[in-house]
Amino acid sequence: MSTRQQTTATCTRVATLPGPATVRVRCQVHGQPVTYDGDGNDAWSYLSAHGGHISNIFIDVPDT
């Protein structure tokens, strides 16, 4: 998983996280739509500990 400077998959990569990894989301915004494995959305999360945004398509929230 890569965090990006902006909410697009083509902008500068600022960090690479091993997968799976636990992350803390500071906020969510709309950005470039991302499609992966047949699913897609335009939501991105800002991970302040990693200094960038990641598409929500790569975030899995476990059922509680």
C-alpha atoms as a PDB file:
ATOM      1  CA  MET A   1       0.000   0.000   0.000  1.00  0.00           C
ATOM      2  CA  SER A   2       1.281   3.444  -0.877  1.00  0.00           C
ATOM      3  CA  THR A   3       0.340   6.786   0.582  1.00  0.00           C
ATOM      4  CA  ARG A   4       0.193   9.665  -1.884  1.00  0.00           C
ATOM      5  CA  GLN A   5       0.820  13.383  -1.619  1.00  0.00           C
ATOM      6  CA  GLN A   6      -2.617  14.122  -3.114  1.00  0.00           C
ATOM      7  CA  THR A   7      -5.798  12.099  -3.725  1.00  0.00           C
ATOM      8  CA  THR A   8      -4.726  10.659  -7.073  1.00  0.00           C
ATOM      9  CA  ALA A   9      -2.950   7.407  -7.886  1.00  0.00           C
ATOM     10  CA  THR A  10      -0.517   9.193 -10.204  1.00  0.00           C
ATOM     11  CA  CYS A  11       0.865  11.801  -7.795  1.00  0.00           C
ATOM     12  CA  THR A  12       4.020  11.505  -5.714  1.00  0.00           C
ATOM     13  CA  ARG A  13       4.290   8.491  -3.408  1.00  0.00           C
ATOM     14  CA  VAL A  14       5.270   9.570   0.105  1.00  0.00           C
ATOM     15  CA  ALA A  15       5.338   6.220   1.927  1.00  0.00           C
ATOM     16  CA  THR A  16       4.890   2.515   1.339  1.00  0.00           C
ATOM     17  CA  LEU A  17       3.171   0.416   3.988  1.00  0.00           C
ATOM     18  CA  PRO A  18       3.486  -3.337   4.358  1.00  0.00           C
ATOM     19  CA  GLY A  19       0.205  -5.149   3.921  1.00  0.00           C
ATOM     20  CA  PRO A  20      -1.736  -5.852   5.926  1.00  0.00           C
ATOM     21  CA  ALA A  21      -1.099  -2.965   8.302  1.00  0.00           C
ATOM     22  CA  THR A  22      -3.124  -1.216  10.979  1.00  0.00           C
ATOM     23  CA  VAL A  23      -3.567   2.507  10.278  1.00  0.00           C
ATOM     24  CA  ARG A  24      -5.259   5.489  11.892  1.00  0.00           C
ATOM     25  CA  VAL A  25      -7.368   7.649   9.604  1.00  0.00           C
ATOM     26  CA  ARG A  26      -7.358  11.369  10.332  1.00  0.00           C
ATOM     27  CA  CYS A  27      -9.997  12.373   7.775  1.00  0.00           C
ATOM     28  CA  GLN A  28     -11.609  11.251   4.530  1.00  0.00           C
ATOM     29  CA  VAL A  29     -12.100  13.210   1.309  1.00  0.00           C
ATOM     30  CA  HIS A  30     -13.255  12.604  -2.245  1.00  0.00           C
ATOM     31  CA  GLY A  31     -10.587  12.304  -4.931  1.00  0.00           C
ATOM     32  CA  GLN A  32      -9.740  10.351  -8.063  1.00  0.00           C
ATOM     33  CA  PRO A  33     -11.933   7.239  -8.441  1.00  0.00           C
ATOM     34  CA  VAL A  34      -9.955   4.007  -7.976  1.00  0.00           C
ATOM     35  CA  THR A  35     -11.032   0.555  -9.176  1.00  0.00           C
ATOM     36  CA  TYR A  36      -9.396  -2.602  -7.887  1.00  0.00           C
ATOM     37  CA  ASP A  37     -10.506  -6.236  -8.186  1.00  0.00           C
ATOM     38  CA  GLY A  38     -13.947  -5.233  -9.508  1.00  0.00           C
ATOM     39  CA  ASP A  39     -14.711  -2.710  -6.748  1.00  0.00           C
ATOM     40  CA  GLY A  40     -14.312   1.029  -6.887  1.00  0.00           C
ATOM     41  CA  ASN A  41     -14.855   4.323  -5.095  1.00  0.00           C
ATOM     42  CA  ASP A  42     -13.528   7.871  -4.908  1.00  0.00           C
ATOM     43  CA  ALA A  43     -12.982   8.074  -1.135  1.00  0.00           C
ATOM     44  CA  TRP A  44      -9.458   8.644   0.177  1.00  0.00           C
ATOM     45  CA  SER A  45      -8.205   8.642   3.776  1.00  0.00           C
ATOM     46  CA  TYR A  46      -5.453  10.856   5.154  1.00  0.00           C
ATOM     47  CA  LEU A  47      -2.972   8.957   7.331  1.00  0.00           C
ATOM     48  CA  SER A  48      -1.133  11.628   9.300  1.00  0.00           C
ATOM     49  CA  ALA A  49       1.368   9.126  10.742  1.00  0.00           C
ATOM     50  CA  HIS A  50       2.429   8.295   7.167  1.00  0.00           C
ATOM     51  CA  GLY A  51       2.136  11.793   5.717  1.00  0.00           C
ATOM     52  CA  GLY A  52      -0.236  11.059   2.872  1.00  0.00           C
ATOM     53  CA  HIS A  53      -3.519   9.802   1.453  1.00  0.00           C
ATOM     54  CA  ILE A  54      -4.542   6.253   0.590  1.00  0.00           C
ATOM     55  CA  SER A  55      -7.520   5.139  -1.443  1.00  0.00           C
ATOM     56  CA  ASN A  56     -10.228   3.634   0.734  1.00  0.00           C
ATOM     57  CA  ILE A  57     -10.408   0.754  -1.722  1.00  0.00           C
ATOM     58  CA  PHE A  58      -7.337  -0.598   0.111  1.00  0.00           C
ATOM     59  CA  ILE A  59      -8.719  -0.129   3.639  1.00  0.00           C
ATOM     60  CA  ASP A  60     -10.665  -2.960   5.241  1.00  0.00           C
ATOM     61  CA  VAL A  61     -12.665  -2.269   8.375  1.00  0.00           C
ATOM     62  CA  PRO A  62     -13.322  -5.466  10.303  1.00  0.00           C
ATOM     63  CA  ASP A  63     -16.808  -6.210  11.576  1.00  0.00           C
ATOM     64  CA  THR A  64     -17.119  -5.549  15.298  1.00  0.00           C
END
